[in-house]
């Protein structure tokens, strides 16, 4: 494992929810493992008037369930410093530079700077410009920038934002984080494909009927109605998480398992995603909103009645779609995707549905299909794999049965696995961009999504609704049925997953 890095973290949005829930616990896990030791420091910045001591108490509170001891937590927190900061005020960057230079000397950091923008993308351009103009970008170490989604709200805004950032940081210094790329089983996709000849030799349109990707959320929008009503499921989930998974499933084998080679193949895969014409969108994508529900004894609001949501909102809380990839390998294989809020259960899984045998020898009706072989990759909350096979039922005769060969990571393995943000921050410290998105990936994703979004924005017909606790509207099932397929994952309970 790579040795510790000397580095100064500057976290813009240091008092925010992301910093408290993800960043500080992830940094502490790296500290416990010795990947951060003595020669690192963290500057947290935000508008609030906090002292260093108060900031350190907040940091210790965020890691209380992870700490070895109070003394160890205090040692870790002693590396944290706070600076009240207005991102639009140049003078504040001068003060930030003075503190950064003091900490660089105190902790022997050698000019290594990692800037984490854990705040609204509206400020990304301003912050990066000020970092450059006020001399916070060092001359004698590495400079890396981590930015969170959403990266723009369409291709045009994303392109403007990218141009602003690229005036200061080149592409090799920009780490666009998508936490799904830090998940254990998403990172396992490439291993399953390229380390198993049986799988890779069948990973094409000769043997695969369709691929299904489901990102299901059981909760509604909760307190995020104001943000969500301007975003919707298409922008919030499809443009980033889902299309990143598609690229990993569809990419060609890289020449080496290096960040540049892997990202090049992902870019090629996303560029091959067919861009629909506006008139094709209705046939290939469906949207809906969750409805009110009181079936489980608790009154759940219709989406339009949620806090900070417009009462005539046309924002989708569910999307299902058919993606086609125009490459030799994938010609004719649909990638079906769906994601939504207030569905049957929280979970993310991929189902690779293989073509059926040409003739059913086990039935008097030879045209009757056997159940297909399905490779399932469970991403969350369960982690693991299953392979659905047809076998003979025990006993007399040749009646068939379905067998699931399963491997699921134990609770202990899951608990001891690095959390997604921990992995991604560590990758950034080591300059490994494999699991971060390149601008060309972002651009291709937005171009695909923009056609759908613009078509929907011109359609003022009433959105379908779906029952809370279901897996979406009937239109989602019909999307597959008209191609002769059906969704493989129909949750019953965690112990009876298909």
Protein backbone atom coordinates (compact mmCIF):
# COMPACT_ATOMS: atom_id res chain seq x y z
CA UNK A 1 0.00 0.00 0.00
CA UNK A 2 1.16 3.53 -0.79
CA UNK A 3 2.92 5.33 2.06
CA UNK A 4 1.58 8.45 3.70
CA UNK A 5 1.29 11.69 1.75
CA UNK A 6 2.34 15.12 2.98
CA UNK A 7 -0.60 17.35 2.11
CA UNK A 8 -2.62 20.41 3.06
CA UNK A 9 -6.36 19.98 2.59
CA UNK A 10 -8.43 23.12 2.16
CA UNK A 11 -12.12 22.30 2.39
CA UNK A 12 -14.49 24.98 1.13
CA UNK A 13 -17.79 24.26 2.84
CA UNK A 14 -16.07 22.91 5.94
CA UNK A 15 -19.15 23.37 8.14
CA UNK A 16 -21.52 21.62 5.73
CA UNK A 17 -23.31 18.30 5.84
CA UNK A 18 -21.01 16.58 3.33
CA UNK A 19 -17.90 17.51 5.29
CA UNK A 20 -19.39 16.23 8.55
CA UNK A 21 -20.96 13.03 7.22
CA UNK A 22 -18.31 11.93 4.73
CA UNK A 23 -15.09 13.92 4.57
CA UNK A 24 -14.00 14.07 8.20
CA UNK A 25 -14.80 10.39 8.94
CA UNK A 26 -12.96 9.38 5.74
CA UNK A 27 -9.89 11.40 6.68
CA UNK A 28 -9.91 9.81 10.14
CA UNK A 29 -10.04 6.32 8.66
CA UNK A 30 -6.97 7.16 6.57
CA UNK A 31 -5.32 8.50 9.73
CA UNK A 32 -6.08 5.29 11.64
CA UNK A 33 -4.47 3.27 8.86
CA UNK A 34 -1.34 5.40 8.89
CA UNK A 35 -1.97 6.76 5.40
CA UNK A 36 -2.12 10.20 6.95
CA UNK A 37 0.26 10.67 9.87
CA UNK A 38 1.99 13.76 11.14
CA UNK A 39 2.68 15.73 7.97
CA UNK A 40 -0.81 16.81 7.00
CA UNK A 41 -3.16 19.63 7.92
CA UNK A 42 -6.75 20.60 7.14
CA UNK A 43 -8.16 24.08 6.76
CA UNK A 44 -11.92 24.26 6.96
CA UNK A 45 -13.52 27.37 5.51
CA UNK A 46 -17.08 28.67 5.55
CA UNK A 47 -19.01 31.81 6.44
CA UNK A 48 -19.58 30.86 10.08
CA UNK A 49 -17.44 32.54 12.72
CA UNK A 50 -15.87 29.48 14.35
CA UNK A 51 -12.65 29.18 16.32
CA UNK A 52 -10.07 26.42 15.81
CA UNK A 53 -11.09 24.86 19.12
CA UNK A 54 -14.78 24.80 18.27
CA UNK A 55 -14.03 23.40 14.81
CA UNK A 56 -11.96 20.61 16.34
CA UNK A 57 -14.80 19.71 18.66
CA UNK A 58 -17.13 19.43 15.66
CA UNK A 59 -14.60 17.21 13.88
CA UNK A 60 -14.30 14.94 16.94
CA UNK A 61 -18.08 14.69 17.13
CA UNK A 62 -18.24 13.49 13.50
CA UNK A 63 -15.80 10.64 14.18
CA UNK A 64 -16.98 9.58 17.64
CA UNK A 65 -18.20 6.17 16.42
CA UNK A 66 -14.85 5.43 14.76
CA UNK A 67 -12.29 6.58 17.30
CA UNK A 68 -9.67 4.36 18.92
CA UNK A 69 -9.56 6.61 21.97
CA UNK A 70 -10.24 10.19 22.98
CA UNK A 71 -6.51 10.87 22.86
CA UNK A 72 -6.22 9.52 19.32
CA UNK A 73 -9.21 11.59 18.20
CA UNK A 74 -7.68 14.70 19.78
CA UNK A 75 -4.36 14.07 18.01
CA UNK A 76 -6.19 13.80 14.71
CA UNK A 77 -8.31 16.91 15.34
CA UNK A 78 -5.21 18.94 16.27
CA UNK A 79 -4.34 18.98 12.55
CA UNK A 80 -7.53 20.95 11.78
CA UNK A 81 -7.71 24.75 11.50
CA UNK A 82 -10.63 27.00 10.75
CA UNK A 83 -10.86 30.19 8.73
CA UNK A 84 -14.07 32.17 8.38
CA UNK A 85 -14.33 32.88 4.68
CA UNK A 86 -16.43 34.69 2.10
CA UNK A 87 -15.67 33.12 -1.27
CA UNK A 88 -16.33 36.43 -3.04
CA UNK A 89 -13.93 38.47 -0.89
CA UNK A 90 -10.36 38.62 -2.23
CA UNK A 91 -8.98 39.71 1.15
CA UNK A 92 -10.14 36.44 2.69
CA UNK A 93 -7.98 34.51 0.23
CA UNK A 94 -4.98 36.57 1.31
CA UNK A 95 -5.63 35.47 4.91
CA UNK A 96 -6.09 31.90 3.71
CA UNK A 97 -2.74 32.01 1.93
CA UNK A 98 -0.97 33.23 5.09
CA UNK A 99 -2.44 30.36 7.11
CA UNK A 100 -1.59 27.83 4.36
CA UNK A 101 2.05 28.96 4.28
CA UNK A 102 2.36 28.70 8.08
CA UNK A 103 0.91 25.18 8.08
CA UNK A 104 3.12 24.18 5.15
CA UNK A 105 6.19 24.98 7.26
CA UNK A 106 4.80 23.59 10.51
CA UNK A 107 3.87 20.21 9.04
CA UNK A 108 6.64 19.93 6.38
CA UNK A 109 4.03 19.63 3.63
CA UNK A 110 6.36 20.67 0.77
CA UNK A 111 3.73 22.65 -1.10
CA UNK A 112 1.29 19.78 -1.72
CA UNK A 113 -2.21 21.26 -1.88
CA UNK A 114 -5.58 19.53 -2.22
CA UNK A 115 -8.57 21.86 -2.57
CA UNK A 116 -11.97 20.29 -1.92
CA UNK A 117 -14.97 22.33 -3.09
CA UNK A 118 -17.77 20.88 -0.94
CA UNK A 119 -20.28 23.57 -1.84
CA UNK A 120 -22.51 24.85 -4.63
CA UNK A 121 -21.01 24.64 -8.14
CA UNK A 122 -22.07 28.29 -8.56
CA UNK A 123 -18.91 29.20 -6.65
CA UNK A 124 -16.45 26.89 -8.42
CA UNK A 125 -15.34 29.45 -11.00
CA UNK A 126 -14.93 32.23 -8.43
CA UNK A 127 -12.97 30.06 -6.01
CA UNK A 128 -10.55 28.66 -8.58
CA UNK A 129 -9.93 32.12 -10.03
CA UNK A 130 -9.18 33.54 -6.56
CA UNK A 131 -6.93 30.60 -5.65
CA UNK A 132 -4.82 31.48 -8.65
CA UNK A 133 -4.87 35.26 -8.34
CA UNK A 134 -4.07 35.29 -4.62
CA UNK A 135 -1.26 32.75 -4.94
CA UNK A 136 -2.76 29.78 -3.09
CA UNK A 137 -1.78 27.44 -5.92
CA UNK A 138 1.73 26.36 -4.94
CA UNK A 139 4.80 26.26 -7.16
CA UNK A 140 6.74 23.49 -5.45
CA UNK A 141 4.26 20.65 -4.87
CA UNK A 142 1.16 19.09 -6.41
CA UNK A 143 -2.09 21.02 -6.72
CA UNK A 144 -5.31 18.99 -7.02
CA UNK A 145 -8.93 20.05 -7.05
CA UNK A 146 -11.84 17.83 -6.01
CA UNK A 147 -15.28 19.01 -7.08
CA UNK A 148 -18.70 17.56 -6.29
CA UNK A 149 -21.72 17.13 -8.54
CA UNK A 150 -23.84 18.58 -9.96
CA UNK A 151 -21.31 19.69 -12.57
CA UNK A 152 -23.60 22.14 -14.33
CA UNK A 153 -27.29 21.61 -15.11
CA UNK A 154 -26.85 20.96 -18.84
CA UNK A 155 -24.03 20.69 -21.37
CA UNK A 156 -23.77 24.44 -21.93
CA UNK A 157 -23.49 25.35 -18.23
CA UNK A 158 -21.09 22.46 -17.60
CA UNK A 159 -18.89 23.60 -20.48
CA UNK A 160 -18.74 27.18 -19.15
CA UNK A 161 -17.92 25.87 -15.68
CA UNK A 162 -15.21 23.61 -17.07
CA UNK A 163 -13.62 26.49 -19.00
CA UNK A 164 -13.50 28.59 -15.81
CA UNK A 165 -11.79 25.83 -13.85
CA UNK A 166 -9.41 24.95 -16.68
CA UNK A 167 -8.05 28.51 -16.64
CA UNK A 168 -6.33 27.54 -13.38
CA UNK A 169 -6.15 23.73 -13.21
CA UNK A 170 -5.40 21.38 -16.10
CA UNK A 171 -7.38 18.19 -16.62
CA UNK A 172 -4.81 16.04 -14.77
CA UNK A 173 -5.33 18.18 -11.64
CA UNK A 174 -9.15 18.08 -11.64
CA UNK A 175 -10.86 15.24 -9.78
CA UNK A 176 -14.63 15.26 -10.43
CA UNK A 177 -15.98 13.01 -7.72
CA UNK A 178 -18.83 10.56 -8.21
CA UNK A 179 -19.12 8.55 -5.02
CA UNK A 180 -20.63 5.59 -6.91
CA UNK A 181 -17.21 5.05 -8.48
CA UNK A 182 -15.83 4.49 -4.98
CA UNK A 183 -18.27 1.68 -4.19
CA UNK A 184 -16.69 -1.74 -3.83
CA UNK A 185 -18.94 -3.56 -6.28
CA UNK A 186 -18.81 -0.83 -8.93
CA UNK A 187 -15.03 -1.12 -8.83
CA UNK A 188 -15.50 -4.90 -9.08
CA UNK A 189 -17.18 -4.66 -12.51
CA UNK A 190 -13.86 -4.45 -14.33
CA UNK A 191 -12.39 -7.33 -12.32
CA UNK A 192 -15.34 -9.62 -13.04
CA UNK A 193 -15.15 -8.78 -16.73
CA UNK A 194 -11.44 -8.80 -17.41
CA UNK A 195 -10.22 -11.43 -14.93
CA UNK A 196 -12.63 -14.17 -16.05
CA UNK A 197 -12.37 -15.50 -19.59
CA UNK A 198 -15.74 -17.22 -19.26
CA UNK A 199 -17.40 -13.85 -18.63
CA UNK A 200 -15.42 -11.65 -21.02
CA UNK A 201 -15.79 -14.10 -23.93
CA UNK A 202 -19.59 -13.87 -23.55
CA UNK A 203 -19.69 -10.12 -22.86
CA UNK A 204 -21.19 -9.14 -26.22
CA UNK A 205 -24.33 -9.14 -28.35
CA UNK A 206 -23.90 -12.79 -29.35
CA UNK A 207 -24.70 -13.97 -25.83
CA UNK A 208 -26.33 -11.07 -23.94
CA UNK A 209 -30.01 -10.23 -24.47
CA UNK A 210 -30.15 -7.07 -22.37
CA UNK A 211 -28.56 -5.39 -19.35
CA UNK A 212 -30.61 -3.81 -16.56
CA UNK A 213 -29.42 -1.22 -14.05
CA UNK A 214 -31.60 -0.26 -11.09
CA UNK A 215 -30.86 2.47 -8.54
CA UNK A 216 -33.78 2.33 -6.15
CA UNK A 217 -34.42 4.68 -3.22
CA UNK A 218 -37.05 3.99 -0.58
CA UNK A 219 -37.28 7.55 0.78
CA UNK A 220 -38.95 10.55 -0.80
CA UNK A 221 -37.30 13.92 -1.30
CA UNK A 222 -37.49 14.65 2.47
CA UNK A 223 -35.98 18.11 3.17
CA UNK A 224 -34.33 18.36 -0.27
CA UNK A 225 -37.45 19.45 -2.14
CA UNK A 226 -36.03 22.87 -3.07
CA UNK A 227 -32.95 21.34 -4.70
CA UNK A 228 -34.68 18.29 -6.14
CA UNK A 229 -37.49 20.21 -7.83
CA UNK A 230 -34.87 22.01 -9.94
CA UNK A 231 -33.02 18.78 -10.70
CA UNK A 232 -35.19 15.69 -10.91
CA UNK A 233 -34.17 12.05 -11.25
CA UNK A 234 -32.77 12.48 -14.77
CA UNK A 235 -30.15 15.05 -13.77
CA UNK A 236 -29.68 13.81 -10.21
CA UNK A 237 -29.02 10.14 -11.01
CA UNK A 238 -28.93 9.31 -14.74
CA UNK A 239 -26.45 11.94 -15.95
CA UNK A 240 -23.80 10.84 -13.48
CA UNK A 241 -24.17 7.60 -11.49
CA UNK A 242 -26.09 5.54 -14.03
CA UNK A 243 -24.13 6.57 -17.11
CA UNK A 244 -20.87 5.96 -15.24
CA UNK A 245 -22.03 2.38 -14.54
CA UNK A 246 -23.06 2.02 -18.19
CA UNK A 247 -19.58 3.10 -19.31
CA UNK A 248 -17.90 0.47 -17.11
CA UNK A 249 -20.19 -2.25 -18.43
CA UNK A 250 -19.84 -1.21 -22.08
CA UNK A 251 -16.17 -0.17 -22.36
CA UNK A 252 -13.63 -2.21 -24.31
CA UNK A 253 -10.71 -3.80 -22.41
CA UNK A 254 -8.05 -1.18 -21.69
CA UNK A 255 -4.47 -1.89 -22.71
CA UNK A 256 -3.45 -1.43 -19.06
CA UNK A 257 -5.33 -0.96 -15.80
CA UNK A 258 -4.07 2.62 -15.54
CA UNK A 259 -6.25 5.67 -15.09
CA UNK A 260 -5.56 7.14 -18.53
CA UNK A 261 -6.25 3.86 -20.37
CA UNK A 262 -9.44 3.09 -18.43
CA UNK A 263 -10.83 6.59 -18.82
CA UNK A 264 -10.09 6.56 -22.56
CA UNK A 265 -12.20 3.42 -22.98
CA UNK A 266 -15.02 4.85 -20.86
CA UNK A 267 -15.02 7.99 -22.98
CA UNK A 268 -15.28 5.89 -26.16
CA UNK A 269 -18.22 3.95 -24.69
CA UNK A 270 -20.11 7.10 -23.72
CA UNK A 271 -19.49 8.69 -27.10
CA UNK A 272 -21.07 5.60 -28.67
CA UNK A 273 -24.31 6.00 -26.70
CA UNK A 274 -27.00 6.78 -29.27
CA UNK A 275 -28.38 10.30 -28.99
CA UNK A 276 -32.13 10.15 -29.49
CA UNK A 277 -34.05 12.50 -31.71
CA UNK A 278 -36.78 14.39 -29.83
CA UNK A 279 -39.50 12.23 -31.42
CA UNK A 280 -37.69 9.07 -30.20
CA UNK A 281 -37.57 10.10 -26.56
CA UNK A 282 -41.19 9.15 -25.80
CA UNK A 283 -40.65 5.61 -27.09
CA UNK A 284 -37.46 5.07 -25.10
CA UNK A 285 -37.79 7.00 -21.84
CA UNK A 286 -40.58 7.30 -19.28
CA UNK A 287 -40.96 9.52 -16.23
CA UNK A 288 -43.34 9.73 -13.29
CA UNK A 289 -43.92 11.21 -9.83
CA UNK A 290 -44.65 9.31 -6.64
CA UNK A 291 -48.18 9.59 -5.30
CA UNK A 292 -49.68 9.94 -1.84
CA UNK A 293 -49.93 6.77 0.23
CA UNK A 294 -51.29 5.77 3.63
CA UNK A 295 -51.33 1.98 3.23
CA UNK A 296 -48.71 1.41 5.95
CA UNK A 297 -50.37 3.58 8.58
CA UNK A 298 -48.32 6.70 7.87
CA UNK A 299 -49.56 9.42 5.55
CA UNK A 300 -47.03 10.00 2.77
CA UNK A 301 -47.43 13.08 0.58
CA UNK A 302 -47.75 13.20 -3.16
CA UNK A 303 -44.54 14.68 -4.54
CA UNK A 304 -46.31 17.94 -5.44
CA UNK A 305 -47.32 18.36 -1.80
CA UNK A 306 -43.79 18.01 -0.44
CA UNK A 307 -42.05 20.94 1.26
CA UNK A 308 -40.48 23.45 -1.17
CA UNK A 309 -41.96 21.66 -4.21
CA UNK A 310 -44.19 23.57 -6.64
CA UNK A 311 -47.80 22.38 -6.49
CA UNK A 312 -47.86 22.07 -10.28
CA UNK A 313 -44.35 20.60 -10.54
CA UNK A 314 -43.49 18.59 -13.63
CA UNK A 315 -40.25 17.31 -12.06
CA UNK A 316 -39.84 13.55 -12.31
CA UNK A 317 -39.06 11.43 -9.25
CA UNK A 318 -38.76 8.29 -11.40
CA UNK A 319 -37.03 7.63 -14.71
CA UNK A 320 -36.80 4.46 -16.74
CA UNK A 321 -35.12 4.31 -20.11
CA UNK A 322 -33.58 2.28 -22.88
CA UNK A 323 -30.01 3.09 -23.84
CA UNK A 324 -28.47 1.83 -27.07
CA UNK A 325 -24.74 1.74 -27.70
CA UNK A 326 -23.66 1.81 -31.30
CA UNK A 327 -20.54 -0.33 -31.20
CA UNK A 328 -19.72 -3.65 -32.80
CA UNK A 329 -19.86 -5.36 -29.39
CA UNK A 330 -23.22 -3.94 -28.28
CA UNK A 331 -25.22 -3.47 -31.46
CA UNK A 332 -28.83 -4.49 -30.70
CA UNK A 333 -28.38 -4.96 -26.93
CA UNK A 334 -30.58 -2.60 -24.90
CA UNK A 335 -29.31 -1.25 -21.60
CA UNK A 336 -32.42 -0.64 -19.50
CA UNK A 337 -32.05 1.79 -16.63
CA UNK A 338 -34.40 2.90 -13.87
CA UNK A 339 -34.13 5.02 -10.78
CA UNK A 340 -36.63 6.62 -8.49
CA UNK A 341 -37.59 7.77 -5.05
CA UNK A 342 -40.02 6.12 -2.65
CA UNK A 343 -39.70 2.74 -4.35
CA UNK A 344 -40.09 -0.70 -2.76
CA UNK A 345 -36.67 -0.71 -1.13
CA UNK A 346 -33.29 0.93 -1.20
CA UNK A 347 -30.89 -0.93 -3.44
CA UNK A 348 -28.62 -0.81 -6.45
CA UNK A 349 -28.03 -3.77 -8.70
CA UNK A 350 -27.06 -4.74 -12.22
CA UNK A 351 -28.66 -7.68 -14.01
CA UNK A 352 -26.98 -9.08 -17.11
CA UNK A 353 -29.60 -11.20 -18.90
CA UNK A 354 -28.11 -13.77 -21.28
CA UNK A 355 -29.76 -15.07 -24.44
CA UNK A 356 -31.83 -18.19 -24.04
CA UNK A 357 -31.06 -21.61 -25.45
CA UNK A 358 -32.44 -21.94 -29.02
CA UNK A 359 -34.59 -24.99 -28.23
CA UNK A 360 -36.24 -26.07 -24.98
CA UNK A 361 -35.66 -29.84 -24.85
CA UNK A 362 -37.27 -30.06 -21.41
CA UNK A 363 -40.80 -29.17 -22.47
CA UNK A 364 -43.31 -30.73 -24.83
CA UNK A 365 -43.68 -27.23 -26.24
CA UNK A 366 -40.21 -26.62 -27.66
CA UNK A 367 -41.08 -22.95 -28.21
CA UNK A 368 -41.63 -22.43 -24.49
CA UNK A 369 -38.70 -20.46 -23.10
CA UNK A 370 -36.68 -21.52 -20.11
CA UNK A 371 -35.86 -18.79 -17.60
CA UNK A 372 -32.76 -16.93 -18.82
CA UNK A 373 -29.35 -17.15 -17.20
CA UNK A 374 -28.79 -13.92 -15.27
CA UNK A 375 -25.60 -12.56 -13.73
CA UNK A 376 -26.52 -10.13 -10.95
CA UNK A 377 -24.11 -7.67 -9.36
CA UNK A 378 -25.37 -6.34 -6.03
CA UNK A 379 -23.89 -2.92 -5.32
CA UNK A 380 -25.77 -1.73 -2.23
CA UNK A 381 -26.84 -2.32 0.50
CA UNK A 382 -25.99 -5.98 -0.21
CA UNK A 383 -22.63 -6.48 -1.89
CA UNK A 384 -21.98 -9.57 -4.00
CA UNK A 385 -22.96 -11.61 -7.02
CA UNK A 386 -25.43 -14.24 -8.10
CA UNK A 387 -25.71 -16.38 -11.21
CA UNK A 388 -29.11 -17.81 -12.13
CA UNK A 389 -28.91 -21.23 -13.82
CA UNK A 390 -31.44 -23.83 -14.92
CA UNK A 391 -31.05 -27.24 -13.29
CA UNK A 392 -32.95 -30.51 -13.00
CA UNK A 393 -35.33 -30.86 -10.07
CA UNK A 394 -34.34 -33.68 -7.75
CA UNK A 395 -36.43 -36.78 -8.34
CA UNK A 396 -37.97 -38.67 -11.23
CA UNK A 397 -38.18 -37.02 -14.63
CA UNK A 398 -36.46 -34.06 -16.24
CA UNK A 399 -38.45 -31.18 -14.81
CA UNK A 400 -36.30 -28.06 -14.55
CA UNK A 401 -35.79 -25.70 -11.65
CA UNK A 402 -33.98 -22.41 -11.21
CA UNK A 403 -30.85 -22.29 -9.08
CA UNK A 404 -29.15 -19.14 -7.81
CA UNK A 405 -25.43 -19.45 -7.16
CA UNK A 406 -24.78 -16.59 -4.73
CA UNK A 407 -21.87 -14.96 -3.04
CA UNK A 408 -22.56 -12.03 -0.77
CA UNK A 409 -19.93 -10.23 1.24
CA UNK A 410 -20.32 -10.87 4.95
CA UNK A 411 -21.44 -8.08 7.27
CA UNK A 412 -17.91 -8.07 8.71
CA UNK A 413 -16.35 -7.66 5.25
CA UNK A 414 -18.72 -4.82 4.38
CA UNK A 415 -18.12 -3.13 7.72
CA UNK A 416 -14.35 -3.33 7.33
CA UNK A 417 -14.26 -2.24 3.68
CA UNK A 418 -13.15 1.34 3.01
CA UNK A 419 -16.06 3.72 2.55
CA UNK A 420 -16.41 5.23 -0.94
CA UNK A 421 -15.16 8.68 0.01
CA UNK A 422 -12.19 7.20 1.86
CA UNK A 423 -11.12 5.33 -1.29
CA UNK A 424 -11.60 8.34 -3.54
CA UNK A 425 -9.76 10.80 -1.31
CA UNK A 426 -6.88 8.32 -1.05
CA UNK A 427 -6.83 7.91 -4.84
CA UNK A 428 -6.66 11.68 -5.25
CA UNK A 429 -3.79 11.91 -2.76
CA UNK A 430 -1.89 9.49 -4.96
CA UNK A 431 -2.83 11.21 -8.21
CA UNK A 432 -4.87 8.21 -9.41
CA UNK A 433 -7.82 9.50 -11.48
CA UNK A 434 -9.21 6.07 -12.44
CA UNK A 435 -12.38 6.45 -10.40
CA UNK A 436 -13.01 10.10 -11.18
CA UNK A 437 -14.83 11.43 -14.23
CA UNK A 438 -12.98 13.06 -17.10
CA UNK A 439 -14.48 16.16 -18.73
CA UNK A 440 -15.13 14.18 -21.92
CA UNK A 441 -17.26 11.74 -19.92
CA UNK A 442 -19.22 14.60 -18.37
CA UNK A 443 -19.71 16.23 -21.77
CA UNK A 444 -20.99 13.04 -23.44
CA UNK A 445 -23.36 12.37 -20.54
CA UNK A 446 -24.86 15.85 -20.68
CA UNK A 447 -25.33 15.69 -24.46
CA UNK A 448 -27.33 12.48 -24.05
CA UNK A 449 -29.42 13.77 -21.14
CA UNK A 450 -30.06 17.22 -22.65
CA UNK A 451 -32.11 15.81 -25.55
CA UNK A 452 -34.38 13.99 -23.10
CA UNK A 453 -34.67 16.95 -20.75
CA UNK A 454 -35.45 19.43 -23.53
CA UNK A 455 -38.09 17.11 -24.99
CA UNK A 456 -39.77 16.69 -21.63
CA UNK A 457 -39.69 20.43 -20.95
CA UNK A 458 -41.76 20.97 -24.10
CA UNK A 459 -44.28 18.28 -23.13
CA UNK A 460 -46.91 19.67 -20.74
CA UNK A 461 -49.07 16.56 -20.49
CA UNK A 462 -49.78 15.24 -17.01
CA UNK A 463 -47.06 12.99 -15.58
CA UNK A 464 -47.97 9.42 -14.64
CA UNK A 465 -47.86 8.66 -10.91
CA UNK A 466 -46.82 5.50 -9.15
CA UNK A 467 -47.69 3.99 -5.81
CA UNK A 468 -45.19 4.54 -3.05
CA UNK A 469 -43.55 1.23 -2.19
CA UNK A 470 -43.85 -0.09 -5.74
CA UNK A 471 -41.07 -0.31 -8.33
CA UNK A 472 -42.46 2.52 -10.42
CA UNK A 473 -45.29 3.09 -12.90
CA UNK A 474 -46.75 0.58 -15.34
CA UNK A 475 -45.07 2.53 -18.15
CA UNK A 476 -41.72 1.28 -16.85
CA UNK A 477 -42.79 -2.36 -17.24
CA UNK A 478 -44.28 -1.61 -20.66
CA UNK A 479 -40.96 -0.16 -21.83
CA UNK A 480 -39.42 -3.63 -21.57
CA UNK A 481 -42.53 -5.62 -22.45
CA UNK A 482 -42.75 -4.13 -25.93
CA UNK A 483 -39.26 -5.56 -26.58
CA UNK A 484 -40.27 -8.94 -25.15
CA UNK A 485 -38.39 -8.45 -21.84
CA UNK A 486 -39.25 -7.78 -18.20
CA UNK A 487 -37.45 -6.33 -15.22
CA UNK A 488 -35.50 -9.07 -13.51
CA UNK A 489 -35.40 -7.47 -10.06
CA UNK A 490 -38.79 -7.36 -8.40
CA UNK A 491 -38.04 -6.99 -4.67
CA UNK A 492 -40.07 -8.98 -2.21
CA UNK A 493 -37.74 -8.85 0.78
CA UNK A 494 -33.94 -8.90 1.18
CA UNK A 495 -33.86 -12.68 1.62
CA UNK A 496 -35.90 -13.41 -1.49
CA UNK A 497 -34.13 -11.27 -4.09
CA UNK A 498 -34.05 -12.76 -7.58
